[in-house]
Amino acid sequence: MVQVTWWKNLDPSIGKERIAKAGWRFGFWLCSCFSLNGGKLNIFLMGAAVSSSSLMFKCAFSATFTIVNKCSYPVWPGILSNAGTAQLPTTGFALQPDESNSLSFPTAWSGRLWGRTLCSADSAGKFTCITGDCGSGTLECSGGGAAPPATLAEFTLNGANGLDFYDVSLVDGYNLPMLVAPQGGTGGNCTITGCVADLNTACPSELKVSSSEGGEGSESVACKSACDAFGDAQYCCSGAYATPDTCKPSAYSEYFKSACPRAYSYAYDDGSSTFTCASADYTITFCPSPATSQKSSGGQYPQAVEASAAAANRFTSFNSIIAVAVATVAAIWQWR
């Protein structure tokens, strides 16, 4: 998210009518905001407040989420907006292996994103998935959340102090590896997070979810949380265990945590699992390659370093566009 503010002191004798004649051809909608999204130039018009003492423009930019499928099989991402936040026009789509899709998410958006697997449509056209199904019966989730178990990427954009809050959660179980990498952001604990391990392979038998086609002894396609498997309050952090003091890690959550130390393993696993960043775009990768999971000497994953450099170059160009836009507005103001 980028905000540009520009103002100029006005002579009190200059009325709003004169301002309008002085080149404010856009009326009340004066401020043009630009963002680059997938090589396309998007233009957003925001309101500008005019008074006798100042003229101010505020431009808010959406964050770009690039969702990448590095799995050897198709993944159907699903998106759920939290209550009270902007609903997105796209809530579900398909990604074949090595495909990606870039979406613009509005500032102040909060919600979750996940991957559905082993999806198909029946003879009546009803769309269902063996893991991560959202219950809509269609490709779009349309307000439906992921049925557990599912690996979740959770976001609150432009939250406290203007920071984005994000995490990868295994609280609802696990179905596939996922990596979240902020691009071009600043401030906070702006770093990569996720779960790149294959937890299905060694999933405890009592948590294991098998493909419906395979029956008993078939390959595991997901790994339940202990809460989902047993429903006990001590695993679900509910009832008498509904506080950080009473709900502690279990042997099952420790299995998730040891394999994926940056991901949420149970409800109160905040300290090592929540990350913050300002003014960032995000790349969410399903089944990141082995190279992605190996850290460089700088403490970042190699692909994240390359992507961050590309984002920095893009951001420089982006600032140039902003400079031109502001200069144009200033020139219009002088023409009166």
C-alpha atoms as a PDB file:
ATOM      1  CA  MET A   1       0.000   0.000   0.000  1.00  0.00           C
ATOM      2  CA  VAL A   2       1.322   3.434  -0.983  1.00  0.00           C
ATOM      3  CA  GLN A   3      -0.125   6.752   0.124  1.00  0.00           C
ATOM      4  CA  VAL A   4       0.656  10.079  -1.544  1.00  0.00           C
ATOM      5  CA  THR A   5      -0.340  13.357   0.086  1.00  0.00           C
ATOM      6  CA  TRP A   6       0.083  16.739  -1.658  1.00  0.00           C
ATOM      7  CA  TRP A   7      -1.180  20.114  -0.618  1.00  0.00           C
ATOM      8  CA  LYS A   8      -0.859  23.838  -1.412  1.00  0.00           C
ATOM      9  CA  ASN A   9      -1.894  26.816   0.639  1.00  0.00           C
ATOM     10  CA  LEU A  10      -4.667  28.735  -1.020  1.00  0.00           C
ATOM     11  CA  ASP A  11      -5.460  32.399  -1.087  1.00  0.00           C
ATOM     12  CA  PRO A  12      -8.736  32.751   0.877  1.00  0.00           C
ATOM     13  CA  SER A  13     -10.005  35.033  -1.872  1.00  0.00           C
ATOM     14  CA  ILE A  14      -9.927  32.142  -4.317  1.00  0.00           C
ATOM     15  CA  GLY A  15     -13.323  30.486  -4.269  1.00  0.00           C
ATOM     16  CA  LYS A  16     -14.141  26.933  -5.148  1.00  0.00           C
ATOM     17  CA  GLU A  17     -15.674  28.149  -8.407  1.00  0.00           C
ATOM     18  CA  ARG A  18     -12.344  29.645  -9.452  1.00  0.00           C
ATOM     19  CA  ILE A  19     -10.561  26.454  -8.492  1.00  0.00           C
ATOM     20  CA  ALA A  20     -12.924  24.538 -10.749  1.00  0.00           C
ATOM     21  CA  LYS A  21     -12.207  26.947 -13.626  1.00  0.00           C
ATOM     22  CA  ALA A  22      -8.477  26.648 -12.959  1.00  0.00           C
ATOM     23  CA  GLY A  23      -8.245  23.204 -14.407  1.00  0.00           C
ATOM     24  CA  TRP A  24     -10.024  20.949 -11.941  1.00  0.00           C
ATOM     25  CA  ARG A  25     -11.875  19.298 -14.790  1.00  0.00           C
ATOM     26  CA  PHE A  26     -12.369  16.166 -12.787  1.00  0.00           C
ATOM     27  CA  GLY A  27     -14.771  17.813 -10.283  1.00  0.00           C
ATOM     28  CA  PHE A  28     -14.681  16.105  -6.896  1.00  0.00           C
ATOM     29  CA  TRP A  29     -12.767  13.112  -8.244  1.00  0.00           C
ATOM     30  CA  LEU A  30      -9.290  14.441  -8.849  1.00  0.00           C
ATOM     31  CA  CYS A  31      -6.689  12.008  -7.623  1.00  0.00           C
ATOM     32  CA  SER A  32      -5.397   9.345  -9.990  1.00  0.00           C
ATOM     33  CA  CYS A  33      -3.681   6.394  -8.386  1.00  0.00           C
ATOM     34  CA  PHE A  34      -1.637   3.959 -10.393  1.00  0.00           C
ATOM     35  CA  SER A  35      -0.587   0.411  -9.651  1.00  0.00           C
ATOM     36  CA  LEU A  36       1.185  -2.173 -11.763  1.00  0.00           C
ATOM     37  CA  ASN A  37      -0.455  -5.576 -11.664  1.00  0.00           C
ATOM     38  CA  GLY A  38       0.761  -8.350 -13.901  1.00  0.00           C
ATOM     39  CA  GLY A  39       2.050  -5.870 -16.487  1.00  0.00           C
ATOM     40  CA  LYS A  40      -1.267  -4.017 -16.672  1.00  0.00           C
ATOM     41  CA  LEU A  41      -1.734  -0.396 -15.643  1.00  0.00           C
ATOM     42  CA  ASN A  42      -4.748   0.072 -13.408  1.00  0.00           C
ATOM     43  CA  ILE A  43      -6.167   3.538 -12.642  1.00  0.00           C
ATOM     44  CA  PHE A  44      -8.117   4.191  -9.463  1.00  0.00           C
ATOM     45  CA  LEU A  45      -9.953   7.475  -8.763  1.00  0.00           C
ATOM     46  CA  MET A  46     -10.133   8.622  -5.170  1.00  0.00           C
ATOM     47  CA  GLY A  47     -11.851  11.630  -3.609  1.00  0.00           C
ATOM     48  CA  ALA A  48      -9.999  14.878  -3.001  1.00  0.00           C
ATOM     49  CA  ALA A  49     -11.144  17.316  -0.315  1.00  0.00           C
ATOM     50  CA  VAL A  50     -10.941  21.022  -1.161  1.00  0.00           C
ATOM     51  CA  SER A  51     -10.963  23.784   1.444  1.00  0.00           C
ATOM     52  CA  SER A  52      -9.909  27.427   1.591  1.00  0.00           C
ATOM     53  CA  SER A  53      -6.699  26.539   3.430  1.00  0.00           C
ATOM     54  CA  SER A  54      -5.447  23.349   1.858  1.00  0.00           C
ATOM     55  CA  LEU A  55      -5.892  20.901  -0.933  1.00  0.00           C
ATOM     56  CA  MET A  56      -5.067  17.298  -0.125  1.00  0.00           C
ATOM     57  CA  PHE A  57      -4.874  14.140  -2.199  1.00  0.00           C
ATOM     58  CA  LYS A  58      -4.719  10.674  -0.699  1.00  0.00           C
ATOM     59  CA  CYS A  59      -4.170   7.650  -2.883  1.00  0.00           C
ATOM     60  CA  ALA A  60      -4.400   4.125  -1.525  1.00  0.00           C
ATOM     61  CA  PHE A  61      -3.011   1.164  -3.482  1.00  0.00           C
ATOM     62  CA  SER A  62      -4.028  -2.444  -3.396  1.00  0.00           C
ATOM     63  CA  ALA A  63      -1.587  -5.259  -2.679  1.00  0.00           C
ATOM     64  CA  THR A  64      -0.826  -7.765  -5.414  1.00  0.00           C
ATOM     65  CA  PHE A  65      -0.991 -11.433  -4.441  1.00  0.00           C
ATOM     66  CA  THR A  66       0.739 -13.769  -6.891  1.00  0.00           C
ATOM     67  CA  ILE A  67      -0.379 -17.363  -6.353  1.00  0.00           C
ATOM     68  CA  VAL A  68       1.960 -19.975  -7.824  1.00  0.00           C
ATOM     69  CA  ASN A  69       1.502 -23.724  -8.233  1.00  0.00           C
ATOM     70  CA  LYS A  70       4.800 -25.616  -8.163  1.00  0.00           C
ATOM     71  CA  CYS A  71       3.088 -28.924  -7.412  1.00  0.00           C
ATOM     72  CA  SER A  72       3.227 -31.731  -9.960  1.00  0.00           C
ATOM     73  CA  TYR A  73      -0.586 -31.817  -9.913  1.00  0.00           C
ATOM     74  CA  PRO A  74      -3.370 -29.227 -10.261  1.00  0.00           C
ATOM     75  CA  VAL A  75      -4.317 -27.070  -7.275  1.00  0.00           C
ATOM     76  CA  TRP A  76      -7.561 -25.110  -6.951  1.00  0.00           C
ATOM     77  CA  PRO A  77      -6.919 -22.080  -4.688  1.00  0.00           C
ATOM     78  CA  GLY A  78      -9.798 -20.852  -2.556  1.00  0.00           C
ATOM     79  CA  ILE A  79     -10.154 -17.404  -0.969  1.00  0.00           C
ATOM     80  CA  LEU A  80     -12.374 -16.391   1.952  1.00  0.00           C
ATOM     81  CA  SER A  81     -12.800 -12.776   3.091  1.00  0.00           C
ATOM     82  CA  ASN A  82     -13.449 -12.240   6.785  1.00  0.00           C
ATOM     83  CA  ALA A  83     -16.735 -10.720   7.923  1.00  0.00           C
ATOM     84  CA  GLY A  84     -16.741  -6.940   7.601  1.00  0.00           C
ATOM     85  CA  THR A  85     -14.009  -6.812   4.975  1.00  0.00           C
ATOM     86  CA  ALA A  86     -14.204  -6.258   1.231  1.00  0.00           C
ATOM     87  CA  GLN A  87     -15.429  -9.266  -0.734  1.00  0.00           C
ATOM     88  CA  LEU A  88     -13.268 -10.205  -3.702  1.00  0.00           C
ATOM     89  CA  PRO A  89     -14.641 -10.802  -7.209  1.00  0.00           C
ATOM     90  CA  THR A  90     -12.586 -14.007  -7.448  1.00  0.00           C
ATOM     91  CA  THR A  91     -12.925 -16.628  -4.700  1.00  0.00           C
ATOM     92  CA  GLY A  92     -11.698 -19.745  -6.464  1.00  0.00           C
ATOM     93  CA  PHE A  93      -9.885 -20.843  -9.611  1.00  0.00           C
ATOM     94  CA  ALA A  94      -7.670 -23.603 -11.025  1.00  0.00           C
ATOM     95  CA  LEU A  95      -3.888 -23.636 -11.346  1.00  0.00           C
ATOM     96  CA  GLN A  96      -2.189 -26.295 -13.418  1.00  0.00           C
ATOM     97  CA  PRO A  97       1.430 -27.218 -12.562  1.00  0.00           C
ATOM     98  CA  ASP A  98       3.773 -24.207 -13.013  1.00  0.00           C
ATOM     99  CA  GLU A  99       0.869 -21.819 -13.534  1.00  0.00           C
ATOM    100  CA  SER A 100       0.357 -18.621 -11.543  1.00  0.00           C
ATOM    101  CA  ASN A 101      -2.319 -15.988 -11.120  1.00  0.00           C
ATOM    102  CA  SER A 102      -1.959 -12.416  -9.829  1.00  0.00           C
ATOM    103  CA  LEU A 103      -4.849 -10.747  -8.008  1.00  0.00           C
ATOM    104  CA  SER A 104      -5.292  -7.281  -6.509  1.00  0.00           C
ATOM    105  CA  PHE A 105      -6.379  -7.296  -2.861  1.00  0.00           C
ATOM    106  CA  PRO A 106      -7.757  -4.031  -1.421  1.00  0.00           C
ATOM    107  CA  THR A 107      -6.122  -2.322   1.522  1.00  0.00           C
ATOM    108  CA  ALA A 108      -7.651  -3.213   4.883  1.00  0.00           C
ATOM    109  CA  TRP A 109      -8.593  -6.662   3.521  1.00  0.00           C
ATOM    110  CA  SER A 110      -8.464  -9.633   5.857  1.00  0.00           C
ATOM    111  CA  GLY A 111      -9.101 -13.268   5.147  1.00  0.00           C
ATOM    112  CA  ARG A 112      -7.509 -16.565   4.249  1.00  0.00           C
ATOM    113  CA  LEU A 113      -6.278 -18.422   1.216  1.00  0.00           C
ATOM    114  CA  TRP A 114      -5.675 -22.146   0.728  1.00  0.00           C
ATOM    115  CA  GLY A 115      -5.251 -24.834  -1.905  1.00  0.00           C
ATOM    116  CA  ARG A 116      -7.828 -27.478  -2.795  1.00  0.00           C
ATOM    117  CA  THR A 117      -6.664 -30.801  -4.217  1.00  0.00           C
ATOM    118  CA  LEU A 118      -8.124 -33.811  -6.023  1.00  0.00           C
ATOM    119  CA  CYS A 119     -11.089 -31.841  -7.325  1.00  0.00           C
ATOM    120  CA  SER A 120     -13.644 -32.943  -9.892  1.00  0.00           C
ATOM    121  CA  ALA A 121     -17.195 -32.345 -11.072  1.00  0.00           C
ATOM    122  CA  ASP A 122     -19.832 -35.073 -11.107  1.00  0.00           C
ATOM    123  CA  SER A 123     -22.318 -35.782 -13.890  1.00  0.00           C
ATOM    124  CA  ALA A 124     -24.600 -33.058 -12.539  1.00  0.00           C
ATOM    125  CA  GLY A 125     -21.774 -30.517 -12.593  1.00  0.00           C
ATOM    126  CA  LYS A 126     -21.291 -30.387  -8.823  1.00  0.00           C
ATOM    127  CA  PHE A 127     -17.682 -29.464  -8.044  1.00  0.00           C
ATOM    128  CA  THR A 128     -16.032 -31.075  -4.998  1.00  0.00           C
ATOM    129  CA  CYS A 129     -12.502 -31.575  -3.682  1.00  0.00           C
ATOM    130  CA  ILE A 130     -11.082 -34.311  -1.465  1.00  0.00           C
ATOM    131  CA  THR A 131      -8.999 -31.777   0.498  1.00  0.00           C
ATOM    132  CA  GLY A 132      -9.783 -28.126   1.209  1.00  0.00           C
ATOM    133  CA  ASP A 133     -13.309 -28.306  -0.204  1.00  0.00           C
ATOM    134  CA  CYS A 134     -15.320 -25.133   0.464  1.00  0.00           C
ATOM    135  CA  GLY A 135     -18.776 -26.666   0.068  1.00  0.00           C
ATOM    136  CA  SER A 136     -19.993 -24.330  -2.663  1.00  0.00           C
ATOM    137  CA  GLY A 137     -20.372 -27.048  -5.291  1.00  0.00           C
ATOM    138  CA  THR A 138     -18.675 -24.758  -7.810  1.00  0.00           C
ATOM    139  CA  LEU A 139     -15.175 -23.620  -8.734  1.00  0.00           C
ATOM    140  CA  GLU A 140     -15.770 -20.338  -6.876  1.00  0.00           C
ATOM    141  CA  CYS A 141     -15.999 -20.677  -3.091  1.00  0.00           C
ATOM    142  CA  SER A 142     -18.425 -17.722  -2.818  1.00  0.00           C
ATOM    143  CA  GLY A 143     -18.101 -17.221   0.935  1.00  0.00           C
ATOM    144  CA  GLY A 144     -17.342 -20.822   1.854  1.00  0.00           C
ATOM    145  CA  GLY A 145     -14.290 -21.691   3.935  1.00  0.00           C
ATOM    146  CA  ALA A 146     -11.934 -24.651   3.691  1.00  0.00           C
ATOM    147  CA  ALA A 147     -13.088 -27.914   5.219  1.00  0.00           C
ATOM    148  CA  PRO A 148     -10.277 -29.186   7.435  1.00  0.00           C
ATOM    149  CA  PRO A 149      -7.654 -30.399   7.125  1.00  0.00           C
ATOM    150  CA  ALA A 150      -6.152 -27.602   5.041  1.00  0.00           C
ATOM    151  CA  THR A 151      -2.983 -25.498   5.124  1.00  0.00           C
ATOM    152  CA  LEU A 152      -4.060 -21.851   5.444  1.00  0.00           C
ATOM    153  CA  ALA A 153      -2.402 -18.531   4.603  1.00  0.00           C
ATOM    154  CA  GLU A 154      -4.030 -15.828   6.746  1.00  0.00           C
ATOM    155  CA  PHE A 155      -3.761 -12.069   6.173  1.00  0.00           C
ATOM    156  CA  THR A 156      -4.849  -8.812   7.759  1.00  0.00           C
ATOM    157  CA  LEU A 157      -3.723  -5.957   5.498  1.00  0.00           C
ATOM    158  CA  ASN A 158      -3.102  -2.430   6.772  1.00  0.00           C
ATOM    159  CA  GLY A 159      -3.789  -3.334  10.394  1.00  0.00           C
ATOM    160  CA  ALA A 160      -2.316  -1.793  13.549  1.00  0.00           C
ATOM    161  CA  ASN A 161       0.300   0.886  12.794  1.00  0.00           C
ATOM    162  CA  GLY A 162      -0.299   0.408   9.072  1.00  0.00           C
ATOM    163  CA  LEU A 163       1.268  -3.059   9.112  1.00  0.00           C
ATOM    164  CA  ASP A 164       0.113  -6.195   7.344  1.00  0.00           C
ATOM    165  CA  PHE A 165      -0.183  -9.242   9.611  1.00  0.00           C
ATOM    166  CA  TYR A 166       0.232 -12.646   7.983  1.00  0.00           C
ATOM    167  CA  ASP A 167       0.846 -16.268   8.905  1.00  0.00           C
ATOM    168  CA  VAL A 168       0.638 -19.826   7.650  1.00  0.00           C
ATOM    169  CA  SER A 169      -1.563 -21.941   9.897  1.00  0.00           C
ATOM    170  CA  LEU A 170      -1.751 -25.686  10.517  1.00  0.00           C
ATOM    171  CA  VAL A 171      -4.340 -25.229  13.279  1.00  0.00           C
ATOM    172  CA  ASP A 172      -6.946 -26.724  10.927  1.00  0.00           C
ATOM    173  CA  GLY A 173      -4.539 -29.426   9.769  1.00  0.00           C
ATOM    174  CA  TYR A 174      -2.388 -29.765   6.653  1.00  0.00           C
ATOM    175  CA  ASN A 175      -2.976 -30.768   3.066  1.00  0.00           C
ATOM    176  CA  LEU A 176      -0.066 -29.396   1.021  1.00  0.00           C
ATOM    177  CA  PRO A 177       3.146 -27.358   1.390  1.00  0.00           C
ATOM    178  CA  MET A 178       2.781 -23.581   1.216  1.00  0.00           C
ATOM    179  CA  LEU A 179       5.186 -20.646   1.321  1.00  0.00           C
ATOM    180  CA  VAL A 180       4.302 -16.946   1.774  1.00  0.00           C
ATOM    181  CA  ALA A 181       6.960 -14.444   0.670  1.00  0.00           C
ATOM    182  CA  PRO A 182       6.493 -10.663   1.035  1.00  0.00           C
ATOM    183  CA  GLN A 183       7.840  -8.672  -1.909  1.00  0.00           C
ATOM    184  CA  GLY A 184       9.222  -5.147  -1.662  1.00  0.00           C
ATOM    185  CA  GLY A 185       7.866  -4.496   1.825  1.00  0.00           C
ATOM    186  CA  THR A 186       9.387  -2.628   4.739  1.00  0.00           C
ATOM    187  CA  GLY A 187       9.120  -2.508   8.503  1.00  0.00           C
ATOM    188  CA  GLY A 188       8.008  -5.047  11.052  1.00  0.00           C
ATOM    189  CA  ASN A 189       9.132  -8.655  10.901  1.00  0.00           C
ATOM    190  CA  CYS A 190       8.927  -8.670   7.112  1.00  0.00           C
ATOM    191  CA  THR A 191      10.130 -12.165   6.281  1.00  0.00           C
ATOM    192  CA  ILE A 192       9.175 -15.382   4.571  1.00  0.00           C
ATOM    193  CA  THR A 193       7.034 -17.965   6.332  1.00  0.00           C
ATOM    194  CA  GLY A 194       5.279 -21.207   5.582  1.00  0.00           C
ATOM    195  CA  CYS A 195       5.430 -24.968   5.751  1.00  0.00           C
ATOM    196  CA  VAL A 196       7.543 -26.541   3.012  1.00  0.00           C
ATOM    197  CA  ALA A 197       7.709 -30.042   4.523  1.00  0.00           C
ATOM    198  CA  ASP A 198       5.568 -32.929   3.296  1.00  0.00           C
ATOM    199  CA  LEU A 199       3.662 -33.760   6.477  1.00  0.00           C
ATOM    200  CA  ASN A 200       1.403 -36.260   4.733  1.00  0.00           C
ATOM    201  CA  THR A 201       4.161 -38.844   4.387  1.00  0.00           C
ATOM    202  CA  ALA A 202       4.803 -39.289   8.119  1.00  0.00           C
ATOM    203  CA  CYS A 203       1.377 -38.224   9.380  1.00  0.00           C
ATOM    204  CA  PRO A 204       0.354 -40.212  12.498  1.00  0.00           C
ATOM    205  CA  SER A 205      -2.136 -42.894  11.515  1.00  0.00           C
ATOM    206  CA  GLU A 206      -4.852 -41.444  13.763  1.00  0.00           C
ATOM    207  CA  LEU A 207      -4.590 -38.097  11.925  1.00  0.00           C
ATOM    208  CA  LYS A 208      -4.177 -39.471   8.424  1.00  0.00           C
ATOM    209  CA  VAL A 209      -6.662 -38.692   5.643  1.00  0.00           C
ATOM    210  CA  SER A 210      -6.549 -41.070   2.684  1.00  0.00           C
ATOM    211  CA  SER A 211      -7.851 -40.586  -0.815  1.00  0.00           C
ATOM    212  CA  SER A 212     -11.383 -41.933  -1.058  1.00  0.00           C
ATOM    213  CA  GLU A 213     -10.414 -43.908  -4.134  1.00  0.00           C
ATOM    214  CA  GLY A 214      -7.649 -45.780  -2.351  1.00  0.00           C
ATOM    215  CA  GLY A 215      -9.469 -47.079   0.700  1.00  0.00           C
ATOM    216  CA  GLU A 216      -7.652 -48.455   3.723  1.00  0.00           C
ATOM    217  CA  GLY A 217      -3.881 -48.260   3.450  1.00  0.00           C
ATOM    218  CA  SER A 218      -3.924 -45.830   0.532  1.00  0.00           C
ATOM    219  CA  GLU A 219      -1.670 -42.816   0.229  1.00  0.00           C
ATOM    220  CA  SER A 220      -2.222 -40.000   2.710  1.00  0.00           C
ATOM    221  CA  VAL A 221      -3.536 -36.821   1.069  1.00  0.00           C
ATOM    222  CA  ALA A 222      -3.929 -34.705   4.230  1.00  0.00           C
ATOM    223  CA  CYS A 223      -3.130 -34.704   7.937  1.00  0.00           C
ATOM    224  CA  LYS A 224      -5.777 -33.712  10.490  1.00  0.00           C
ATOM    225  CA  SER A 225      -5.213 -31.550  13.535  1.00  0.00           C
ATOM    226  CA  ALA A 226      -5.740 -33.277  16.880  1.00  0.00           C
ATOM    227  CA  CYS A 227      -8.760 -31.027  17.443  1.00  0.00           C
ATOM    228  CA  ASP A 228     -10.369 -32.208  14.222  1.00  0.00           C
ATOM    229  CA  ALA A 229      -9.471 -35.856  14.860  1.00  0.00           C
ATOM    230  CA  PHE A 230     -10.568 -36.138  18.499  1.00  0.00           C
ATOM    231  CA  GLY A 231     -12.642 -33.029  19.302  1.00  0.00           C
ATOM    232  CA  ASP A 232     -11.203 -32.760  22.826  1.00  0.00           C
ATOM    233  CA  ALA A 233     -11.208 -29.317  24.464  1.00  0.00           C
ATOM    234  CA  GLN A 234      -7.532 -29.619  25.387  1.00  0.00           C
ATOM    235  CA  TYR A 235      -6.648 -29.978  21.686  1.00  0.00           C
ATOM    236  CA  CYS A 236      -9.174 -27.398  20.483  1.00  0.00           C
ATOM    237  CA  CYS A 237      -8.260 -24.746  23.101  1.00  0.00           C
ATOM    238  CA  SER A 238     -11.923 -24.480  24.076  1.00  0.00           C
ATOM    239  CA  GLY A 239     -13.947 -24.669  27.285  1.00  0.00           C
ATOM    240  CA  ALA A 240     -11.637 -24.893  30.292  1.00  0.00           C
ATOM    241  CA  TYR A 241      -8.657 -24.725  27.906  1.00  0.00           C
ATOM    242  CA  ALA A 242      -9.626 -21.492  26.160  1.00  0.00           C
ATOM    243  CA  THR A 243      -6.672 -19.366  27.342  1.00  0.00           C
ATOM    244  CA  PRO A 244      -2.951 -19.361  26.559  1.00  0.00           C
ATOM    245  CA  ASP A 245      -2.252 -20.406  30.156  1.00  0.00           C
ATOM    246  CA  THR A 246      -4.443 -23.499  30.013  1.00  0.00           C
ATOM    247  CA  CYS A 247      -4.018 -24.597  26.379  1.00  0.00           C
ATOM    248  CA  LYS A 248      -0.529 -25.943  25.808  1.00  0.00           C
ATOM    249  CA  PRO A 249       1.148 -27.666  22.852  1.00  0.00           C
ATOM    250  CA  SER A 250       0.340 -31.356  22.489  1.00  0.00           C
ATOM    251  CA  ALA A 251       2.442 -34.160  21.069  1.00  0.00           C
ATOM    252  CA  TYR A 252       0.452 -33.766  17.860  1.00  0.00           C
ATOM    253  CA  SER A 253       0.966 -30.017  17.523  1.00  0.00           C
ATOM    254  CA  GLU A 254       4.652 -30.555  18.264  1.00  0.00           C
ATOM    255  CA  TYR A 255       4.796 -32.867  15.239  1.00  0.00           C
ATOM    256  CA  PHE A 256       3.634 -29.964  13.065  1.00  0.00           C
ATOM    257  CA  LYS A 257       5.879 -27.436  14.832  1.00  0.00           C
ATOM    258  CA  SER A 258       9.059 -29.476  14.567  1.00  0.00           C
ATOM    259  CA  ALA A 259       8.541 -29.896  10.820  1.00  0.00           C
ATOM    260  CA  CYS A 260       7.359 -26.315  10.191  1.00  0.00           C
ATOM    261  CA  PRO A 261       8.709 -24.049  12.970  1.00  0.00           C
ATOM    262  CA  ARG A 262       7.344 -20.809  11.446  1.00  0.00           C
ATOM    263  CA  ALA A 263       3.775 -22.046  11.001  1.00  0.00           C
ATOM    264  CA  TYR A 264       0.981 -21.982  13.574  1.00  0.00           C
ATOM    265  CA  SER A 265       0.722 -25.446  15.129  1.00  0.00           C
ATOM    266  CA  TYR A 266      -2.090 -24.711  17.623  1.00  0.00           C
ATOM    267  CA  ALA A 267      -4.348 -21.790  18.529  1.00  0.00           C
ATOM    268  CA  TYR A 268      -1.955 -19.916  20.855  1.00  0.00           C
ATOM    269  CA  ASP A 269       1.233 -20.398  18.879  1.00  0.00           C
ATOM    270  CA  ASP A 270       1.487 -16.639  18.182  1.00  0.00           C
ATOM    271  CA  GLY A 271       5.017 -15.804  19.284  1.00  0.00           C
ATOM    272  CA  SER A 272       6.901 -17.598  16.516  1.00  0.00           C
ATOM    273  CA  SER A 273       4.221 -17.693  13.853  1.00  0.00           C
ATOM    274  CA  THR A 274       2.813 -14.197  13.174  1.00  0.00           C
ATOM    275  CA  PHE A 275       4.735 -11.867  10.862  1.00  0.00           C
ATOM    276  CA  THR A 276       4.285  -8.211   9.911  1.00  0.00           C
ATOM    277  CA  CYS A 277       5.197  -6.084   6.918  1.00  0.00           C
ATOM    278  CA  ALA A 278       4.259  -2.710   5.428  1.00  0.00           C
ATOM    279  CA  SER A 279       3.581  -1.772   1.805  1.00  0.00           C
ATOM    280  CA  ALA A 280       4.237  -5.277   0.487  1.00  0.00           C
ATOM    281  CA  ASP A 281       2.981  -7.509  -2.269  1.00  0.00           C
ATOM    282  CA  TYR A 282       2.892 -11.247  -1.550  1.00  0.00           C
ATOM    283  CA  THR A 283       3.801 -14.427  -3.404  1.00  0.00           C
ATOM    284  CA  ILE A 284       2.033 -17.564  -2.190  1.00  0.00           C
ATOM    285  CA  THR A 285       3.592 -20.757  -3.529  1.00  0.00           C
ATOM    286  CA  PHE A 286       2.123 -24.237  -3.298  1.00  0.00           C
ATOM    287  CA  CYS A 287       4.731 -27.032  -3.223  1.00  0.00           C
ATOM    288  CA  PRO A 288       7.792 -24.738  -3.313  1.00  0.00           C
ATOM    289  CA  SER A 289      10.758 -26.396  -4.983  1.00  0.00           C
ATOM    290  CA  PRO A 290      13.668 -27.807  -2.916  1.00  0.00           C
ATOM    291  CA  ALA A 291      15.749 -24.777  -3.911  1.00  0.00           C
ATOM    292  CA  THR A 292      13.121 -22.507  -2.389  1.00  0.00           C
ATOM    293  CA  SER A 293      13.338 -24.251   0.973  1.00  0.00           C
ATOM    294  CA  GLN A 294      17.115 -23.891   1.241  1.00  0.00           C
ATOM    295  CA  LYS A 295      18.161 -20.654   2.912  1.00  0.00           C
ATOM    296  CA  SER A 296      20.925 -18.479   1.525  1.00  0.00           C
ATOM    297  CA  SER A 297      23.646 -17.020   3.736  1.00  0.00           C
ATOM    298  CA  GLY A 298      21.526 -13.889   4.069  1.00  0.00           C
ATOM    299  CA  GLY A 299      18.790 -15.817   5.875  1.00  0.00           C
ATOM    300  CA  GLN A 300      16.276 -15.662   3.058  1.00  0.00           C
ATOM    301  CA  TYR A 301      15.253 -18.280   0.578  1.00  0.00           C
ATOM    302  CA  PRO A 302      17.090 -17.806  -2.767  1.00  0.00           C
ATOM    303  CA  GLN A 303      13.921 -17.344  -4.817  1.00  0.00           C
ATOM    304  CA  ALA A 304      12.669 -14.794  -2.313  1.00  0.00           C
ATOM    305  CA  VAL A 305      15.901 -12.788  -2.664  1.00  0.00           C
ATOM    306  CA  GLU A 306      15.545 -12.730  -6.455  1.00  0.00           C
ATOM    307  CA  ALA A 307      11.859 -11.851  -6.252  1.00  0.00           C
ATOM    308  CA  SER A 308      12.540  -9.073  -3.745  1.00  0.00           C
ATOM    309  CA  ALA A 309      15.125  -7.547  -6.074  1.00  0.00           C
ATOM    310  CA  ALA A 310      12.637  -7.648  -8.937  1.00  0.00           C
ATOM    311  CA  ALA A 311      10.010  -6.079  -6.708  1.00  0.00           C
ATOM    312  CA  ALA A 312      12.420  -3.317  -5.728  1.00  0.00           C
ATOM    313  CA  ASN A 313      13.050  -2.493  -9.404  1.00  0.00           C
ATOM    314  CA  ARG A 314       9.328  -2.493 -10.066  1.00  0.00           C
ATOM    315  CA  PHE A 315       8.751  -0.249  -7.057  1.00  0.00           C
ATOM    316  CA  THR A 316      11.311   2.263  -8.383  1.00  0.00           C
ATOM    317  CA  SER A 317       9.389   2.466 -11.658  1.00  0.00           C
ATOM    318  CA  PHE A 318       6.186   2.727  -9.686  1.00  0.00           C
ATOM    319  CA  ASN A 319       7.510   5.735  -7.763  1.00  0.00           C
ATOM    320  CA  SER A 320       8.392   7.381 -11.071  1.00  0.00           C
ATOM    321  CA  ILE A 321       4.762   7.080 -12.137  1.00  0.00           C
ATOM    322  CA  ILE A 322       3.682   8.647  -8.858  1.00  0.00           C
ATOM    323  CA  ALA A 323       6.116  11.529  -9.352  1.00  0.00           C
ATOM    324  CA  VAL A 324       4.691  12.200 -12.817  1.00  0.00           C
ATOM    325  CA  ALA A 325       1.129  12.066 -11.471  1.00  0.00           C
ATOM    326  CA  VAL A 326       1.879  14.509  -8.661  1.00  0.00           C
ATOM    327  CA  ALA A 327       3.751  16.832 -11.020  1.00  0.00           C
ATOM    328  CA  THR A 328       0.761  16.820 -13.373  1.00  0.00           C
ATOM    329  CA  VAL A 329      -1.591  17.737 -10.548  1.00  0.00           C
ATOM    330  CA  ALA A 330       0.758  20.526  -9.477  1.00  0.00           C
ATOM    331  CA  ALA A 331       0.893  21.868 -13.029  1.00  0.00           C
ATOM    332  CA  ILE A 332      -2.894  21.912 -13.254  1.00  0.00           C
ATOM    333  CA  TRP A 333      -3.007  23.815  -9.988  1.00  0.00           C
ATOM    334  CA  GLN A 334      -0.611  26.438 -11.298  1.00  0.00           C
ATOM    335  CA  TRP A 335      -2.780  26.893 -14.395  1.00  0.00           C
ATOM    336  CA  ARG A 336      -5.454  29.192 -13.031  1.00  0.00           C
END
